Amino acid sequence: MAAPLKRRIRPGVPTGYSIGGMVGAGIYVLAGSVAGAAGIWVPEAPFLVPTAVPVFGFILSIVALVAAVMGAL
């Protein structure tokens, strides 16, 4: 039969748990403040983001290409 496990809580475990809880709460606060700033546009976000992200990605790639060409001159 295997030896029983010793129950030990090291100081890092509750510290990490507490820090994780604070960071998680901060993420919810940030999401709430962004939603408050967005106002009535929050329900439309699932429809706007899939179209906005590729457009901004395309614009950023064009900017990067122009910067690379201008740097090569």
C-alpha atoms as a PDB file:
ATOM      1  CA  MET A   1       0.000   0.000   0.000  1.00  0.00           C
ATOM      2  CA  ALA A   2       1.251   3.491  -0.871  1.00  0.00           C
ATOM      3  CA  ALA A   3       2.227   5.945   1.836  1.00  0.00           C
ATOM      4  CA  PRO A   4      -0.406   8.593   2.575  1.00  0.00           C
ATOM      5  CA  LEU A   5       0.141  12.018   1.094  1.00  0.00           C
ATOM      6  CA  LYS A   6       1.209  14.857   3.363  1.00  0.00           C
ATOM      7  CA  ARG A   7      -1.043  17.889   3.216  1.00  0.00           C
ATOM      8  CA  ARG A   8       0.993  21.059   2.933  1.00  0.00           C
ATOM      9  CA  ILE A   9       0.180  24.520   1.681  1.00  0.00           C
ATOM     10  CA  ARG A  10       3.218  26.481   0.685  1.00  0.00           C
ATOM     11  CA  PRO A  11       3.101  30.295   0.839  1.00  0.00           C
ATOM     12  CA  GLY A  12       3.137  30.565  -2.953  1.00  0.00           C
ATOM     13  CA  VAL A  13      -0.165  28.743  -3.388  1.00  0.00           C
ATOM     14  CA  PRO A  14      -2.458  31.185  -1.532  1.00  0.00           C
ATOM     15  CA  THR A  15      -0.426  34.115  -2.854  1.00  0.00           C
ATOM     16  CA  GLY A  16      -0.857  32.956  -6.450  1.00  0.00           C
ATOM     17  CA  TYR A  17      -4.534  32.244  -5.866  1.00  0.00           C
ATOM     18  CA  SER A  18      -5.055  35.744  -4.451  1.00  0.00           C
ATOM     19  CA  ILE A  19      -3.155  37.452  -7.269  1.00  0.00           C
ATOM     20  CA  GLY A  20      -5.117  35.449  -9.836  1.00  0.00           C
ATOM     21  CA  GLY A  21      -8.367  36.542  -8.228  1.00  0.00           C
ATOM     22  CA  MET A  22      -7.335  40.200  -8.300  1.00  0.00           C
ATOM     23  CA  VAL A  23      -6.222  40.019 -11.931  1.00  0.00           C
ATOM     24  CA  GLY A  24      -9.448  38.248 -12.886  1.00  0.00           C
ATOM     25  CA  ALA A  25     -11.521  40.899 -11.130  1.00  0.00           C
ATOM     26  CA  GLY A  26      -9.539  43.596 -12.937  1.00  0.00           C
ATOM     27  CA  ILE A  27     -10.348  41.976 -16.280  1.00  0.00           C
ATOM     28  CA  TYR A  28     -14.061  42.061 -15.462  1.00  0.00           C
ATOM     29  CA  VAL A  29     -13.789  45.727 -14.418  1.00  0.00           C
ATOM     30  CA  LEU A  30     -11.989  46.563 -17.650  1.00  0.00           C
ATOM     31  CA  ALA A  31     -14.588  44.725 -19.730  1.00  0.00           C
ATOM     32  CA  GLY A  32     -17.367  46.553 -17.901  1.00  0.00           C
ATOM     33  CA  SER A  33     -15.805  49.967 -18.427  1.00  0.00           C
ATOM     34  CA  VAL A  34     -15.283  49.227 -22.135  1.00  0.00           C
ATOM     35  CA  ALA A  35     -18.892  48.087 -22.426  1.00  0.00           C
ATOM     36  CA  GLY A  36     -20.007  51.246 -20.639  1.00  0.00           C
ATOM     37  CA  ALA A  37     -18.024  53.390 -23.059  1.00  0.00           C
ATOM     38  CA  ALA A  38     -19.362  51.482 -26.068  1.00  0.00           C
ATOM     39  CA  GLY A  39     -22.932  52.038 -24.945  1.00  0.00           C
ATOM     40  CA  ILE A  40     -25.546  50.913 -27.426  1.00  0.00           C
ATOM     41  CA  TRP A  41     -22.936  49.392 -29.765  1.00  0.00           C
ATOM     42  CA  VAL A  42     -22.221  46.431 -27.451  1.00  0.00           C
ATOM     43  CA  PRO A  43     -24.890  44.143 -29.023  1.00  0.00           C
ATOM     44  CA  GLU A  44     -23.535  44.913 -32.495  1.00  0.00           C
ATOM     45  CA  ALA A  45     -19.944  43.971 -31.579  1.00  0.00           C
ATOM     46  CA  PRO A  46     -20.222  40.316 -32.720  1.00  0.00           C
ATOM     47  CA  PHE A  47     -21.202  41.569 -36.163  1.00  0.00           C
ATOM     48  CA  LEU A  48     -18.751  44.489 -36.418  1.00  0.00           C
ATOM     49  CA  VAL A  49     -15.566  42.802 -35.186  1.00  0.00           C
ATOM     50  CA  PRO A  50     -15.345  40.069 -37.868  1.00  0.00           C
ATOM     51  CA  THR A  51     -15.499  42.738 -40.557  1.00  0.00           C
ATOM     52  CA  ALA A  52     -13.300  45.317 -38.838  1.00  0.00           C
ATOM     53  CA  VAL A  53     -10.374  43.033 -37.974  1.00  0.00           C
ATOM     54  CA  PRO A  54      -9.555  41.948 -41.561  1.00  0.00           C
ATOM     55  CA  VAL A  55      -9.898  45.525 -42.803  1.00  0.00           C
ATOM     56  CA  PHE A  56      -7.516  46.872 -40.171  1.00  0.00           C
ATOM     57  CA  GLY A  57      -5.147  43.965 -40.805  1.00  0.00           C
ATOM     58  CA  PHE A  58      -5.106  44.781 -44.499  1.00  0.00           C
ATOM     59  CA  ILE A  59      -4.463  48.467 -43.787  1.00  0.00           C
ATOM     60  CA  LEU A  60      -1.630  47.630 -41.394  1.00  0.00           C
ATOM     61  CA  SER A  61      -0.032  45.294 -43.929  1.00  0.00           C
ATOM     62  CA  ILE A  62      -0.139  48.046 -46.564  1.00  0.00           C
ATOM     63  CA  VAL A  63       1.436  50.474 -44.093  1.00  0.00           C
ATOM     64  CA  ALA A  64       4.163  47.940 -43.299  1.00  0.00           C
ATOM     65  CA  LEU A  65       4.819  47.364 -46.996  1.00  0.00           C
ATOM     66  CA  VAL A  66       5.086  51.106 -47.674  1.00  0.00           C
ATOM     67  CA  ALA A  67       7.414  51.514 -44.696  1.00  0.00           C
ATOM     68  CA  ALA A  68       9.604  48.683 -45.951  1.00  0.00           C
ATOM     69  CA  VAL A  69       9.762  50.147 -49.462  1.00  0.00           C
ATOM     70  CA  MET A  70      10.493  53.639 -48.152  1.00  0.00           C
ATOM     71  CA  GLY A  71      13.208  52.230 -45.903  1.00  0.00           C
ATOM     72  CA  ALA A  72      14.818  50.465 -48.883  1.00  0.00           C
ATOM     73  CA  LEU A  73      15.080  53.665 -50.926  1.00  0.00           C
END
